Amino acid sequence: MSDQQSNNTPEPMKYGLLGEDDMPFEEKVAKYTGEVDWSYLEPHYKNEALLWVDPSLELKDVAKALGDDDTETVANWLGNGDLVKIGSLHAMQWEGTDEKFTALVVTPFVLMQQKR
């Protein structure tokens, strides 16, 4: 058991944008953001790694909070429904549609919003 676990101190979330390089945050966001359809997102849903981001939030802000291990902000978004793990009802709604989404990879998750 690690010292952190024995002291009941949570370990950092350890999320981050893909790529362990020195690329600035804004460039990574641009590189790992794109327009996709459900067929791209579905495997991430099946791996329980797909998170829906409310349109009132910017994907890059959510990515930054995850990457910075901002647990308070992320917990707040999860608690008030601004950040939601995609469930089967959501998935069924989008299967077989031509709907487009904006997605941003923040390992181990993929953030998604319906295209505005």
N, C-alpha and C. Protein backbone atom coordinates (compact mmCIF):
# COMPACT_ATOMS: atom_id res chain seq x y z
N MET A 1 0.85 -1.17 0.00
CA MET A 1 0.00 0.00 0.00
C MET A 1 0.89 1.24 0.00
N SER A 2 0.57 2.20 -0.87
CA SER A 2 1.39 3.41 -0.95
C SER A 2 1.11 4.32 0.22
N ASP A 3 2.03 5.27 0.46
CA ASP A 3 1.85 6.24 1.53
C ASP A 3 0.58 7.06 1.31
N GLN A 4 0.29 7.41 0.04
CA GLN A 4 -0.90 8.19 -0.23
C GLN A 4 -2.14 7.41 0.16
N GLN A 5 -2.21 6.12 -0.19
CA GLN A 5 -3.37 5.32 0.14
C GLN A 5 -3.50 5.15 1.64
N SER A 6 -2.41 4.94 2.34
CA SER A 6 -2.49 4.72 3.78
C SER A 6 -2.90 5.99 4.51
N ASN A 7 -2.64 7.17 3.93
CA ASN A 7 -3.04 8.43 4.55
C ASN A 7 -4.41 8.90 4.07
N ASN A 8 -5.09 8.07 3.28
CA ASN A 8 -6.39 8.42 2.72
C ASN A 8 -6.36 9.68 1.86
N THR A 9 -5.22 9.97 1.28
CA THR A 9 -5.08 11.09 0.37
C THR A 9 -5.31 10.58 -1.03
N PRO A 10 -6.27 11.18 -1.74
CA PRO A 10 -6.52 10.68 -3.10
C PRO A 10 -5.33 10.92 -4.00
N GLU A 11 -5.12 9.96 -4.90
CA GLU A 11 -4.06 10.12 -5.88
C GLU A 11 -4.53 11.08 -6.96
N PRO A 12 -3.61 11.77 -7.62
CA PRO A 12 -4.00 12.68 -8.69
C PRO A 12 -4.75 11.94 -9.79
N MET A 13 -5.59 12.67 -10.52
CA MET A 13 -6.40 12.05 -11.57
C MET A 13 -5.55 11.52 -12.71
N LYS A 14 -4.44 12.17 -13.01
CA LYS A 14 -3.51 11.73 -14.06
C LYS A 14 -4.14 11.71 -15.45
N TYR A 15 -4.94 12.70 -15.77
CA TYR A 15 -5.50 12.83 -17.10
C TYR A 15 -4.66 13.83 -17.87
N GLY A 16 -4.75 13.80 -19.16
CA GLY A 16 -4.03 14.79 -19.94
C GLY A 16 -4.30 14.64 -21.42
N LEU A 17 -4.02 15.69 -22.14
CA LEU A 17 -4.15 15.63 -23.58
C LEU A 17 -3.14 14.64 -24.12
N LEU A 18 -3.48 13.98 -25.19
CA LEU A 18 -2.57 13.02 -25.80
C LEU A 18 -1.24 13.67 -26.13
N GLY A 19 -0.23 12.89 -26.09
CA GLY A 19 1.08 13.38 -26.50
C GLY A 19 1.90 13.89 -25.34
N GLU A 20 2.99 13.25 -25.10
CA GLU A 20 3.89 13.64 -24.01
C GLU A 20 5.02 14.50 -24.58
N ASP A 21 4.62 15.56 -25.26
CA ASP A 21 5.62 16.42 -25.88
C ASP A 21 5.53 17.82 -25.26
N ASP A 22 6.33 18.72 -25.74
CA ASP A 22 6.37 20.06 -25.19
C ASP A 22 5.44 21.02 -25.92
N MET A 23 4.52 20.50 -26.69
CA MET A 23 3.59 21.33 -27.43
C MET A 23 2.73 22.14 -26.45
N PRO A 24 2.55 23.43 -26.68
CA PRO A 24 1.71 24.24 -25.79
C PRO A 24 0.26 23.72 -25.76
N PHE A 25 -0.41 23.97 -24.66
CA PHE A 25 -1.78 23.47 -24.44
C PHE A 25 -2.70 23.82 -25.60
N GLU A 26 -2.71 25.06 -26.03
CA GLU A 26 -3.62 25.49 -27.11
C GLU A 26 -3.36 24.70 -28.40
N GLU A 27 -2.10 24.41 -28.70
CA GLU A 27 -1.79 23.63 -29.90
C GLU A 27 -2.27 22.19 -29.76
N LYS A 28 -2.12 21.62 -28.57
CA LYS A 28 -2.62 20.26 -28.34
C LYS A 28 -4.13 20.21 -28.49
N VAL A 29 -4.81 21.21 -27.92
CA VAL A 29 -6.27 21.25 -28.05
C VAL A 29 -6.65 21.27 -29.53
N ALA A 30 -6.01 22.10 -30.30
CA ALA A 30 -6.31 22.18 -31.73
C ALA A 30 -6.01 20.85 -32.43
N LYS A 31 -4.90 20.23 -32.06
CA LYS A 31 -4.49 18.98 -32.71
C LYS A 31 -5.43 17.82 -32.38
N TYR A 32 -5.94 17.76 -31.16
CA TYR A 32 -6.74 16.62 -30.72
C TYR A 32 -8.23 16.91 -30.63
N THR A 33 -8.68 17.97 -31.29
CA THR A 33 -10.10 18.31 -31.39
C THR A 33 -10.52 18.14 -32.83
N GLY A 34 -11.71 17.58 -33.01
CA GLY A 34 -12.18 17.43 -34.38
C GLY A 34 -13.66 17.13 -34.45
N GLU A 35 -14.19 17.26 -35.65
CA GLU A 35 -15.59 16.93 -35.91
C GLU A 35 -15.67 15.45 -36.25
N VAL A 36 -16.57 14.75 -35.58
CA VAL A 36 -16.71 13.31 -35.76
C VAL A 36 -18.18 12.94 -35.79
N ASP A 37 -18.45 11.71 -36.20
CA ASP A 37 -19.81 11.21 -36.11
C ASP A 37 -19.86 10.12 -35.05
N TRP A 38 -21.03 9.54 -34.85
CA TRP A 38 -21.20 8.57 -33.78
C TRP A 38 -20.32 7.34 -33.97
N SER A 39 -20.05 6.95 -35.22
CA SER A 39 -19.23 5.75 -35.44
C SER A 39 -17.83 5.91 -34.84
N TYR A 40 -17.30 7.13 -34.78
CA TYR A 40 -16.01 7.37 -34.14
C TYR A 40 -16.14 7.29 -32.62
N LEU A 41 -17.23 7.83 -32.09
CA LEU A 41 -17.41 7.90 -30.64
C LEU A 41 -17.86 6.58 -30.01
N GLU A 42 -18.56 5.77 -30.77
CA GLU A 42 -19.14 4.55 -30.22
C GLU A 42 -18.13 3.63 -29.52
N PRO A 43 -16.95 3.37 -30.09
CA PRO A 43 -15.99 2.52 -29.38
C PRO A 43 -15.58 3.11 -28.03
N HIS A 44 -15.49 4.42 -27.94
CA HIS A 44 -15.13 5.06 -26.67
C HIS A 44 -16.27 4.92 -25.67
N TYR A 45 -17.50 5.00 -26.15
CA TYR A 45 -18.67 4.75 -25.30
C TYR A 45 -18.61 3.31 -24.77
N LYS A 46 -18.34 2.36 -25.64
CA LYS A 46 -18.30 0.95 -25.24
C LYS A 46 -17.18 0.69 -24.23
N ASN A 47 -16.11 1.49 -24.29
CA ASN A 47 -15.01 1.38 -23.32
C ASN A 47 -15.23 2.22 -22.07
N GLU A 48 -16.43 2.82 -21.97
CA GLU A 48 -16.81 3.66 -20.83
C GLU A 48 -15.86 4.84 -20.66
N ALA A 49 -15.42 5.39 -21.78
CA ALA A 49 -14.46 6.49 -21.75
C ALA A 49 -15.01 7.76 -22.41
N LEU A 50 -16.32 7.79 -22.68
CA LEU A 50 -16.91 8.91 -23.40
C LEU A 50 -17.67 9.80 -22.43
N LEU A 51 -17.32 11.08 -22.44
CA LEU A 51 -17.97 12.06 -21.56
C LEU A 51 -18.62 13.16 -22.39
N TRP A 52 -19.90 13.42 -22.12
CA TRP A 52 -20.64 14.49 -22.77
C TRP A 52 -20.40 15.77 -21.99
N VAL A 53 -20.12 16.84 -22.71
CA VAL A 53 -19.86 18.15 -22.11
C VAL A 53 -21.01 19.08 -22.50
N ASP A 54 -21.64 19.68 -21.50
CA ASP A 54 -22.76 20.59 -21.74
C ASP A 54 -22.31 21.73 -22.67
N PRO A 55 -23.20 22.17 -23.57
CA PRO A 55 -22.84 23.25 -24.49
C PRO A 55 -22.48 24.57 -23.80
N SER A 56 -22.84 24.73 -22.54
CA SER A 56 -22.48 25.96 -21.83
C SER A 56 -20.99 25.99 -21.47
N LEU A 57 -20.32 24.85 -21.59
CA LEU A 57 -18.89 24.75 -21.29
C LEU A 57 -18.08 24.63 -22.58
N GLU A 58 -16.86 25.09 -22.53
CA GLU A 58 -15.93 24.93 -23.65
C GLU A 58 -15.16 23.62 -23.44
N LEU A 59 -15.02 22.83 -24.49
CA LEU A 59 -14.27 21.58 -24.39
C LEU A 59 -12.86 21.82 -23.86
N LYS A 60 -12.22 22.87 -24.33
CA LYS A 60 -10.84 23.13 -23.91
C LYS A 60 -10.76 23.43 -22.41
N ASP A 61 -11.80 24.06 -21.84
CA ASP A 61 -11.80 24.34 -20.40
C ASP A 61 -11.94 23.05 -19.59
N VAL A 62 -12.77 22.14 -20.09
CA VAL A 62 -12.92 20.84 -19.41
C VAL A 62 -11.62 20.05 -19.53
N ALA A 63 -11.02 20.07 -20.70
CA ALA A 63 -9.74 19.38 -20.90
C ALA A 63 -8.68 19.93 -19.96
N LYS A 64 -8.64 21.24 -19.81
CA LYS A 64 -7.65 21.87 -18.92
C LYS A 64 -7.89 21.45 -17.47
N ALA A 65 -9.14 21.44 -17.05
CA ALA A 65 -9.45 21.05 -15.67
C ALA A 65 -9.05 19.60 -15.42
N LEU A 66 -9.32 18.72 -16.38
CA LEU A 66 -8.90 17.32 -16.24
C LEU A 66 -7.38 17.22 -16.20
N GLY A 67 -6.72 17.89 -17.13
CA GLY A 67 -5.26 17.84 -17.21
C GLY A 67 -4.57 18.44 -16.00
N ASP A 68 -5.21 19.43 -15.38
CA ASP A 68 -4.65 20.08 -14.19
C ASP A 68 -5.06 19.39 -12.89
N ASP A 69 -5.77 18.26 -13.01
CA ASP A 69 -6.26 17.53 -11.83
C ASP A 69 -7.11 18.42 -10.93
N ASP A 70 -7.94 19.26 -11.54
CA ASP A 70 -8.82 20.16 -10.80
C ASP A 70 -10.06 19.37 -10.36
N THR A 71 -9.89 18.56 -9.33
CA THR A 71 -10.95 17.64 -8.89
C THR A 71 -12.20 18.38 -8.43
N GLU A 72 -12.04 19.53 -7.82
CA GLU A 72 -13.21 20.28 -7.33
C GLU A 72 -14.10 20.73 -8.49
N THR A 73 -13.50 21.31 -9.51
CA THR A 73 -14.26 21.76 -10.67
C THR A 73 -14.91 20.60 -11.39
N VAL A 74 -14.14 19.53 -11.62
CA VAL A 74 -14.67 18.36 -12.32
C VAL A 74 -15.81 17.74 -11.52
N ALA A 75 -15.65 17.61 -10.22
CA ALA A 75 -16.72 17.06 -9.37
C ALA A 75 -17.96 17.94 -9.44
N ASN A 76 -17.78 19.24 -9.48
CA ASN A 76 -18.91 20.16 -9.58
C ASN A 76 -19.65 19.95 -10.90
N TRP A 77 -18.92 19.85 -12.00
CA TRP A 77 -19.55 19.61 -13.30
C TRP A 77 -20.28 18.27 -13.31
N LEU A 78 -19.66 17.24 -12.76
CA LEU A 78 -20.30 15.93 -12.70
C LEU A 78 -21.56 15.99 -11.84
N GLY A 79 -21.47 16.69 -10.73
CA GLY A 79 -22.60 16.78 -9.80
C GLY A 79 -23.79 17.53 -10.35
N ASN A 80 -23.54 18.56 -11.16
CA ASN A 80 -24.67 19.34 -11.67
C ASN A 80 -25.06 18.96 -13.10
N GLY A 81 -24.45 17.91 -13.64
CA GLY A 81 -24.84 17.39 -14.95
C GLY A 81 -24.23 18.10 -16.13
N ASP A 82 -23.22 18.94 -15.91
CA ASP A 82 -22.54 19.59 -17.03
C ASP A 82 -21.51 18.68 -17.69
N LEU A 83 -21.14 17.63 -17.01
CA LEU A 83 -20.21 16.62 -17.51
C LEU A 83 -20.83 15.27 -17.17
N VAL A 84 -21.13 14.47 -18.20
CA VAL A 84 -21.90 13.25 -17.99
C VAL A 84 -21.24 12.08 -18.71
N LYS A 85 -21.11 10.97 -18.02
CA LYS A 85 -20.64 9.74 -18.67
C LYS A 85 -21.80 9.23 -19.52
N ILE A 86 -21.53 8.99 -20.79
CA ILE A 86 -22.58 8.58 -21.73
C ILE A 86 -23.12 7.21 -21.35
N GLY A 87 -24.45 7.13 -21.29
CA GLY A 87 -25.13 5.88 -20.97
C GLY A 87 -25.82 5.31 -22.20
N SER A 88 -26.46 4.18 -22.02
CA SER A 88 -27.07 3.47 -23.15
C SER A 88 -28.20 4.27 -23.79
N LEU A 89 -28.96 5.03 -23.02
CA LEU A 89 -30.04 5.83 -23.61
C LEU A 89 -29.48 6.89 -24.55
N HIS A 90 -28.38 7.51 -24.15
CA HIS A 90 -27.73 8.48 -25.02
C HIS A 90 -27.26 7.80 -26.30
N ALA A 91 -26.58 6.67 -26.13
CA ALA A 91 -26.01 5.96 -27.27
C ALA A 91 -27.09 5.56 -28.27
N MET A 92 -28.20 5.05 -27.77
CA MET A 92 -29.29 4.64 -28.67
C MET A 92 -29.84 5.83 -29.46
N GLN A 93 -29.86 6.99 -28.83
CA GLN A 93 -30.36 8.20 -29.48
C GLN A 93 -29.51 8.57 -30.69
N TRP A 94 -28.20 8.32 -30.63
CA TRP A 94 -27.30 8.74 -31.70
C TRP A 94 -26.96 7.66 -32.71
N GLU A 95 -27.25 6.40 -32.39
CA GLU A 95 -26.94 5.31 -33.32
C GLU A 95 -27.72 5.50 -34.61
N GLY A 96 -27.03 5.35 -35.71
CA GLY A 96 -27.67 5.41 -37.02
C GLY A 96 -28.07 6.80 -37.46
N THR A 97 -27.61 7.84 -36.77
CA THR A 97 -27.93 9.21 -37.19
C THR A 97 -26.74 9.80 -37.95
N ASP A 98 -27.00 10.90 -38.59
CA ASP A 98 -25.94 11.64 -39.28
C ASP A 98 -25.42 12.78 -38.42
N GLU A 99 -25.80 12.80 -37.16
CA GLU A 99 -25.42 13.89 -36.27
C GLU A 99 -23.90 14.00 -36.15
N LYS A 100 -23.43 15.21 -36.09
CA LYS A 100 -21.99 15.49 -35.95
C LYS A 100 -21.71 15.99 -34.54
N PHE A 101 -20.52 15.67 -34.08
CA PHE A 101 -20.08 16.03 -32.75
C PHE A 101 -18.68 16.64 -32.83
N THR A 102 -18.36 17.43 -31.83
CA THR A 102 -17.00 17.89 -31.66
C THR A 102 -16.41 17.05 -30.54
N ALA A 103 -15.26 16.47 -30.78
CA ALA A 103 -14.63 15.59 -29.79
C ALA A 103 -13.22 16.07 -29.50
N LEU A 104 -12.80 15.84 -28.27
CA LEU A 104 -11.46 16.20 -27.82
C LEU A 104 -10.94 15.06 -26.97
N VAL A 105 -9.79 14.52 -27.33
CA VAL A 105 -9.19 13.40 -26.61
C VAL A 105 -8.41 13.93 -25.41
N VAL A 106 -8.81 13.45 -24.23
CA VAL A 106 -8.09 13.74 -22.99
C VAL A 106 -7.93 12.38 -22.31
N THR A 107 -6.79 11.77 -22.52
CA THR A 107 -6.62 10.40 -22.06
C THR A 107 -6.90 10.28 -20.57
N PRO A 108 -7.63 9.29 -20.16
CA PRO A 108 -8.15 8.16 -20.94
C PRO A 108 -9.54 8.40 -21.53
N PHE A 109 -10.00 9.65 -21.55
CA PHE A 109 -11.36 9.95 -21.99
C PHE A 109 -11.39 10.63 -23.35
N VAL A 110 -12.59 10.63 -23.92
CA VAL A 110 -12.90 11.46 -25.07
C VAL A 110 -14.07 12.34 -24.65
N LEU A 111 -13.85 13.65 -24.74
CA LEU A 111 -14.91 14.61 -24.45
C LEU A 111 -15.70 14.86 -25.73
N MET A 112 -17.00 15.04 -25.59
CA MET A 112 -17.82 15.25 -26.78
C MET A 112 -18.91 16.28 -26.52
N GLN A 113 -19.27 16.99 -27.58
CA GLN A 113 -20.40 17.89 -27.58
C GLN A 113 -21.09 17.74 -28.92
N GLN A 114 -22.41 17.92 -28.93
CA GLN A 114 -23.09 17.96 -30.20
C GLN A 114 -22.61 19.20 -30.94
N LYS A 115 -22.43 19.04 -32.24
CA LYS A 115 -21.92 20.14 -33.07
C LYS A 115 -22.88 21.32 -32.98
N ARG A 116 -22.30 22.48 -32.74
CA ARG A 116 -23.11 23.70 -32.61
C ARG A 116 -23.37 24.31 -33.96
